[in-house]
PDB file of all heavy atoms in Angstrom:
ATOM      1  N   ALA A   1       8.641   3.248  -0.163  1.00  0.00           N
ATOM      2  CA  ALA A   1       9.217   4.551   0.190  1.00  0.00           C
ATOM      3  C   ALA A   1       9.481   4.637   1.688  1.00  0.00           C
ATOM      4  O   ALA A   1      10.495   5.195   2.119  1.00  0.00           O
ATOM      5  CB  ALA A   1       8.285   5.679  -0.252  1.00  0.00           C
ATOM      6  N   LYS A   2       8.582   4.076   2.497  1.00  0.00           N
ATOM      7  CA  LYS A   2       8.758   4.110   3.962  1.00  0.00           C
ATOM      8  C   LYS A   2       9.805   3.103   4.434  1.00  0.00           C
ATOM      9  O   LYS A   2      10.573   3.379   5.340  1.00  0.00           O
ATOM     10  CB  LYS A   2       7.419   3.828   4.649  1.00  0.00           C
ATOM     11  CG  LYS A   2       6.429   4.947   4.489  1.00  0.00           C
ATOM     12  CD  LYS A   2       5.138   4.660   5.239  1.00  0.00           C
ATOM     13  CE  LYS A   2       4.207   5.826   5.086  1.00  0.00           C
ATOM     14  NZ  LYS A   2       2.997   5.525   4.356  1.00  0.00           N
ATOM     15  N   ASP A   3       9.809   1.909   3.809  1.00  0.00           N
ATOM     16  CA  ASP A   3      10.672   0.822   4.262  1.00  0.00           C
ATOM     17  C   ASP A   3      12.117   0.920   3.780  1.00  0.00           C
ATOM     18  O   ASP A   3      13.003   0.320   4.374  1.00  0.00           O
ATOM     19  CB  ASP A   3      10.123  -0.536   3.792  1.00  0.00           C
ATOM     20  CG  ASP A   3       8.799  -0.899   4.443  1.00  0.00           C
ATOM     21  OD1 ASP A   3       8.421  -0.257   5.432  1.00  0.00           O
ATOM     22  OD2 ASP A   3       8.143  -1.832   3.931  1.00  0.00           O
ATOM     23  N   ARG A   4      12.340   1.641   2.687  1.00  0.00           N
ATOM     24  CA  ARG A   4      13.668   1.660   2.066  1.00  0.00           C
ATOM     25  C   ARG A   4      14.223   3.083   1.980  1.00  0.00           C
ATOM     26  O   ARG A   4      14.127   3.727   0.935  1.00  0.00           O
ATOM     27  CB  ARG A   4      13.597   1.055   0.658  1.00  0.00           C
ATOM     28  CG  ARG A   4      13.217  -0.415   0.565  1.00  0.00           C
ATOM     29  CD  ARG A   4      14.363  -1.338   0.920  1.00  0.00           C
ATOM     30  NE  ARG A   4      15.578  -1.101   0.159  1.00  0.00           N
ATOM     31  CZ  ARG A   4      15.908  -1.753  -0.947  1.00  0.00           C
ATOM     32  NH1 ARG A   4      15.138  -2.696  -1.434  1.00  0.00           N
ATOM     33  NH2 ARG A   4      17.043  -1.466  -1.570  1.00  0.00           N
ATOM     34  N   PRO A   5      14.841   3.566   3.065  1.00  0.00           N
ATOM     35  CA  PRO A   5      15.408   4.915   3.013  1.00  0.00           C
ATOM     36  C   PRO A   5      16.577   5.044   2.039  1.00  0.00           C
ATOM     37  O   PRO A   5      16.972   6.151   1.690  1.00  0.00           O
ATOM     38  CB  PRO A   5      15.861   5.163   4.456  1.00  0.00           C
ATOM     39  CG  PRO A   5      15.997   3.814   5.066  1.00  0.00           C
ATOM     40  CD  PRO A   5      15.031   2.914   4.351  1.00  0.00           C
ATOM     41  N   ASP A   6      17.099   3.911   1.573  1.00  0.00           N
ATOM     42  CA  ASP A   6      18.203   3.942   0.604  1.00  0.00           C
ATOM     43  C   ASP A   6      17.705   4.193  -0.822  1.00  0.00           C
ATOM     44  O   ASP A   6      18.506   4.392  -1.725  1.00  0.00           O
ATOM     45  CB  ASP A   6      18.981   2.620   0.649  1.00  0.00           C
ATOM     46  CG  ASP A   6      18.110   1.408   0.349  1.00  0.00           C
ATOM     47  OD1 ASP A   6      16.972   1.336   0.873  1.00  0.00           O
ATOM     48  OD2 ASP A   6      18.550   0.524  -0.406  1.00  0.00           O
ATOM     49  N   ILE A   7      16.397   4.200  -1.005  1.00  0.00           N
ATOM     50  CA  ILE A   7      15.783   4.413  -2.326  1.00  0.00           C
ATOM     51  C   ILE A   7      14.919   5.665  -2.263  1.00  0.00           C
ATOM     52  O   ILE A   7      14.151   5.857  -1.328  1.00  0.00           O
ATOM     53  CB  ILE A   7      14.866   3.224  -2.715  1.00  0.00           C
ATOM     54  CG1 ILE A   7      15.619   1.907  -2.688  1.00  0.00           C
ATOM     55  CG2 ILE A   7      14.172   3.463  -4.049  1.00  0.00           C
ATOM     56  CD1 ILE A   7      16.639   1.732  -3.765  1.00  0.00           C
ATOM     57  N   LYS A   8      15.036   6.518  -3.271  1.00  0.00           N
ATOM     58  CA  LYS A   8      14.121   7.656  -3.397  1.00  0.00           C
ATOM     59  C   LYS A   8      12.971   7.209  -4.286  1.00  0.00           C
ATOM     60  O   LYS A   8      13.202   6.641  -5.351  1.00  0.00           O
ATOM     61  CB  LYS A   8      14.802   8.868  -4.009  1.00  0.00           C
ATOM     62  CG  LYS A   8      13.862  10.067  -4.133  1.00  0.00           C
ATOM     63  CD  LYS A   8      14.543  11.257  -4.751  1.00  0.00           C
ATOM     64  CE  LYS A   8      15.435  11.914  -3.719  1.00  0.00           C
ATOM     65  NZ  LYS A   8      15.980  13.197  -4.192  1.00  0.00           N
ATOM     66  N   VAL A   9      11.752   7.432  -3.844  1.00  0.00           N
ATOM     67  CA  VAL A   9      10.576   7.062  -4.625  1.00  0.00           C
ATOM     68  C   VAL A   9       9.902   8.333  -5.116  1.00  0.00           C
ATOM     69  O   VAL A   9       9.591   9.226  -4.334  1.00  0.00           O
ATOM     70  CB  VAL A   9       9.595   6.206  -3.786  1.00  0.00           C
ATOM     71  CG1 VAL A   9       8.333   5.899  -4.589  1.00  0.00           C
ATOM     72  CG2 VAL A   9      10.270   4.916  -3.327  1.00  0.00           C
ATOM     73  N   GLY A  10       9.708   8.396  -6.427  1.00  0.00           N
ATOM     74  CA  GLY A  10       9.058   9.546  -7.036  1.00  0.00           C
ATOM     75  C   GLY A  10       7.818   9.125  -7.792  1.00  0.00           C
ATOM     76  O   GLY A  10       7.790   8.058  -8.411  1.00  0.00           O
ATOM     77  N   LYS A  11       6.779   9.955  -7.736  1.00  0.00           N
ATOM     78  CA  LYS A  11       5.534   9.687  -8.439  1.00  0.00           C
ATOM     79  C   LYS A  11       5.340  10.755  -9.503  1.00  0.00           C
ATOM     80  O   LYS A  11       5.466  11.934  -9.215  1.00  0.00           O
ATOM     81  CB  LYS A  11       4.370   9.692  -7.461  1.00  0.00           C
ATOM     82  CG  LYS A  11       4.525   8.614  -6.387  1.00  0.00           C
ATOM     83  CD  LYS A  11       3.438   8.619  -5.379  1.00  0.00           C
ATOM     84  CE  LYS A  11       2.055   8.486  -5.922  1.00  0.00           C
ATOM     85  NZ  LYS A  11       1.794   7.374  -6.810  1.00  0.00           N
ATOM     86  N   VAL A  12       5.055  10.315 -10.728  1.00  0.00           N
ATOM     87  CA  VAL A  12       4.854  11.229 -11.843  1.00  0.00           C
ATOM     88  C   VAL A  12       3.428  11.037 -12.362  1.00  0.00           C
ATOM     89  O   VAL A  12       3.098   9.986 -12.917  1.00  0.00           O
ATOM     90  CB  VAL A  12       5.862  10.970 -12.982  1.00  0.00           C
ATOM     91  CG1 VAL A  12       5.637  11.961 -14.112  1.00  0.00           C
ATOM     92  CG2 VAL A  12       7.300  11.027 -12.476  1.00  0.00           C
ATOM     93  N   ASN A  13       2.580  12.037 -12.153  1.00  0.00           N
ATOM     94  CA  ASN A  13       1.218  12.010 -12.660  1.00  0.00           C
ATOM     95  C   ASN A  13       1.287  12.337 -14.155  1.00  0.00           C
ATOM     96  O   ASN A  13       1.618  13.457 -14.534  1.00  0.00           O
ATOM     97  CB  ASN A  13       0.360  13.027 -11.903  1.00  0.00           C
ATOM     98  CG  ASN A  13      -1.086  13.014 -12.336  1.00  0.00           C
ATOM     99  OD1 ASN A  13      -1.418  12.752 -13.483  1.00  0.00           O
ATOM    100  ND2 ASN A  13      -1.957  13.324 -11.398  1.00  0.00           N
ATOM    101  N   VAL A  14       0.984  11.353 -15.002  1.00  0.00           N
ATOM    102  CA  VAL A  14       1.151  11.533 -16.445  1.00  0.00           C
ATOM    103  C   VAL A  14       0.175  12.558 -17.023  1.00  0.00           C
ATOM    104  O   VAL A  14       0.457  13.152 -18.069  1.00  0.00           O
ATOM    105  CB  VAL A  14       1.043  10.199 -17.220  1.00  0.00           C
ATOM    106  CG1 VAL A  14       2.167   9.263 -16.805  1.00  0.00           C
ATOM    107  CG2 VAL A  14      -0.307   9.548 -17.036  1.00  0.00           C
ATOM    108  N   ASP A  15      -0.964  12.777 -16.366  1.00  0.00           N
ATOM    109  CA  ASP A  15      -1.911  13.791 -16.836  1.00  0.00           C
ATOM    110  C   ASP A  15      -1.355  15.195 -16.618  1.00  0.00           C
ATOM    111  O   ASP A  15      -1.597  16.091 -17.417  1.00  0.00           O
ATOM    112  CB  ASP A  15      -3.255  13.674 -16.110  1.00  0.00           C
ATOM    113  CG  ASP A  15      -4.034  12.439 -16.541  1.00  0.00           C
ATOM    114  OD1 ASP A  15      -3.749  11.898 -17.628  1.00  0.00           O
ATOM    115  OD2 ASP A  15      -4.928  12.021 -15.782  1.00  0.00           O
ATOM    116  N   GLU A  16      -0.611  15.376 -15.523  1.00  0.00           N
ATOM    117  CA  GLU A  16      -0.060  16.688 -15.192  1.00  0.00           C
ATOM    118  C   GLU A  16       1.337  16.894 -15.768  1.00  0.00           C
ATOM    119  O   GLU A  16       1.791  18.031 -15.890  1.00  0.00           O
ATOM    120  CB  GLU A  16      -0.004  16.853 -13.666  1.00  0.00           C
ATOM    121  CG  GLU A  16      -1.382  16.866 -13.020  1.00  0.00           C
ATOM    122  CD  GLU A  16      -1.311  16.867 -11.500  1.00  0.00           C
ATOM    123  OE1 GLU A  16      -0.192  16.792 -10.931  1.00  0.00           O
ATOM    124  OE2 GLU A  16      -2.390  16.937 -10.883  1.00  0.00           O
ATOM    125  N   GLN A  17       2.029  15.802 -16.104  1.00  0.00           N
ATOM    126  CA  GLN A  17       3.411  15.880 -16.584  1.00  0.00           C
ATOM    127  C   GLN A  17       3.589  15.094 -17.882  1.00  0.00           C
ATOM    128  O   GLN A  17       4.396  14.155 -17.961  1.00  0.00           O
ATOM    129  CB  GLN A  17       4.371  15.344 -15.505  1.00  0.00           C
ATOM    130  CG  GLN A  17       4.307  16.049 -14.184  1.00  0.00           C
ATOM    131  CD  GLN A  17       4.641  17.519 -14.293  1.00  0.00           C
ATOM    132  OE1 GLN A  17       5.557  17.915 -15.011  1.00  0.00           O
ATOM    133  NE2 GLN A  17       3.886  18.350 -13.603  1.00  0.00           N
ATOM    134  N   PRO A  18       2.849  15.460 -18.936  1.00  0.00           N
ATOM    135  CA  PRO A  18       2.958  14.691 -20.188  1.00  0.00           C
ATOM    136  C   PRO A  18       4.356  14.750 -20.801  1.00  0.00           C
ATOM    137  O   PRO A  18       4.770  13.809 -21.489  1.00  0.00           O
ATOM    138  CB  PRO A  18       1.909  15.323 -21.099  1.00  0.00           C
ATOM    139  CG  PRO A  18       1.684  16.698 -20.546  1.00  0.00           C
ATOM    140  CD  PRO A  18       1.914  16.582 -19.061  1.00  0.00           C
ATOM    141  N   GLU A  19       5.103  15.836 -20.553  1.00  0.00           N
ATOM    142  CA  GLU A  19       6.454  15.933 -21.112  1.00  0.00           C
ATOM    143  C   GLU A  19       7.364  14.866 -20.524  1.00  0.00           C
ATOM    144  O   GLU A  19       8.154  14.246 -21.237  1.00  0.00           O
ATOM    145  CB  GLU A  19       7.068  17.318 -20.846  1.00  0.00           C
ATOM    146  CG  GLU A  19       6.238  18.484 -21.309  1.00  0.00           C
ATOM    147  CD  GLU A  19       5.208  18.933 -20.254  1.00  0.00           C
ATOM    148  OE1 GLU A  19       5.280  18.498 -19.087  1.00  0.00           O
ATOM    149  OE2 GLU A  19       4.328  19.707 -20.625  1.00  0.00           O
ATOM    150  N   LEU A  20       7.273  14.658 -19.196  1.00  0.00           N
ATOM    151  CA  LEU A  20       8.103  13.633 -18.560  1.00  0.00           C
ATOM    152  C   LEU A  20       7.698  12.245 -19.035  1.00  0.00           C
ATOM    153  O   LEU A  20       8.558  11.397 -19.289  1.00  0.00           O
ATOM    154  CB  LEU A  20       8.006  13.729 -17.032  1.00  0.00           C
ATOM    155  CG  LEU A  20       8.785  14.860 -16.377  1.00  0.00           C
ATOM    156  CD1 LEU A  20       8.539  14.895 -14.878  1.00  0.00           C
ATOM    157  CD2 LEU A  20      10.269  14.738 -16.661  1.00  0.00           C
ATOM    158  N   ALA A  21       6.402  12.012 -19.142  1.00  0.00           N
ATOM    159  CA  ALA A  21       5.934  10.707 -19.624  1.00  0.00           C
ATOM    160  C   ALA A  21       6.472  10.451 -21.030  1.00  0.00           C
ATOM    161  O   ALA A  21       6.955   9.350 -21.335  1.00  0.00           O
ATOM    162  CB  ALA A  21       4.408  10.659 -19.594  1.00  0.00           C
ATOM    163  N   SER A  22       6.449  11.455 -21.868  1.00  0.00           N
ATOM    164  CA  SER A  22       6.943  11.331 -23.239  1.00  0.00           C
ATOM    165  C   SER A  22       8.451  11.103 -23.247  1.00  0.00           C
ATOM    166  O   SER A  22       8.968  10.279 -24.008  1.00  0.00           O
ATOM    167  CB  SER A  22       6.594  12.589 -24.024  1.00  0.00           C
ATOM    168  OG  SER A  22       7.133  12.525 -25.309  1.00  0.00           O
ATOM    169  N   GLN A  23       9.156  11.810 -22.384  1.00  0.00           N
ATOM    170  CA  GLN A  23      10.609  11.684 -22.291  1.00  0.00           C
ATOM    171  C   GLN A  23      11.020  10.247 -21.962  1.00  0.00           C
ATOM    172  O   GLN A  23      12.046   9.770 -22.430  1.00  0.00           O
ATOM    173  CB  GLN A  23      11.112  12.642 -21.203  1.00  0.00           C
ATOM    174  CG  GLN A  23      12.592  12.682 -21.010  1.00  0.00           C
ATOM    175  CD  GLN A  23      12.977  13.699 -19.938  1.00  0.00           C
ATOM    176  OE1 GLN A  23      12.323  14.710 -19.729  1.00  0.00           O
ATOM    177  NE2 GLN A  23      14.049  13.403 -19.236  1.00  0.00           N
ATOM    178  N   PHE A  24      10.199   9.552 -21.164  1.00  0.00           N
ATOM    179  CA  PHE A  24      10.501   8.175 -20.771  1.00  0.00           C
ATOM    180  C   PHE A  24       9.808   7.149 -21.669  1.00  0.00           C
ATOM    181  O   PHE A  24       9.885   5.955 -21.403  1.00  0.00           O
ATOM    182  CB  PHE A  24      10.112   7.945 -19.307  1.00  0.00           C
ATOM    183  CG  PHE A  24      11.126   8.481 -18.350  1.00  0.00           C
ATOM    184  CD1 PHE A  24      11.099   9.803 -17.957  1.00  0.00           C
ATOM    185  CD2 PHE A  24      12.132   7.667 -17.851  1.00  0.00           C
ATOM    186  CE1 PHE A  24      12.046  10.317 -17.083  1.00  0.00           C
ATOM    187  CE2 PHE A  24      13.082   8.163 -16.978  1.00  0.00           C
ATOM    188  CZ  PHE A  24      13.047   9.492 -16.599  1.00  0.00           C
ATOM    189  N   GLY A  25       9.103   7.624 -22.689  1.00  0.00           N
ATOM    190  CA  GLY A  25       8.444   6.708 -23.608  1.00  0.00           C
ATOM    191  C   GLY A  25       7.312   5.929 -22.974  1.00  0.00           C
ATOM    192  O   GLY A  25       7.045   4.795 -23.367  1.00  0.00           O
ATOM    193  N   VAL A  26       6.650   6.516 -21.993  1.00  0.00           N
ATOM    194  CA  VAL A  26       5.565   5.835 -21.290  1.00  0.00           C
ATOM    195  C   VAL A  26       4.366   5.718 -22.227  1.00  0.00           C
ATOM    196  O   VAL A  26       3.802   6.717 -22.656  1.00  0.00           O
ATOM    197  CB  VAL A  26       5.183   6.586 -19.991  1.00  0.00           C
ATOM    198  CG1 VAL A  26       3.954   5.979 -19.356  1.00  0.00           C
ATOM    199  CG2 VAL A  26       6.357   6.586 -19.025  1.00  0.00           C
ATOM    200  N   MET A  27       3.999   4.479 -22.545  1.00  0.00           N
ATOM    201  CA  MET A  27       2.876   4.215 -23.441  1.00  0.00           C
ATOM    202  C   MET A  27       1.665   3.687 -22.681  1.00  0.00           C
ATOM    203  O   MET A  27       0.545   3.782 -23.160  1.00  0.00           O
ATOM    204  CB  MET A  27       3.281   3.206 -24.507  1.00  0.00           C
ATOM    205  CG  MET A  27       4.462   3.664 -25.338  1.00  0.00           C
ATOM    206  SD  MET A  27       4.138   5.182 -26.201  1.00  0.00           S
ATOM    207  CE  MET A  27       3.559   4.540 -27.742  1.00  0.00           C
TER     208      MET A  27
END
């Protein structure tokens, strides 16, 4: 995230965002 300003880095806490985890099929 610091080295590559051309990339956006996002963090998804699966405990707090189970809907997003499910949407991406995170197993």
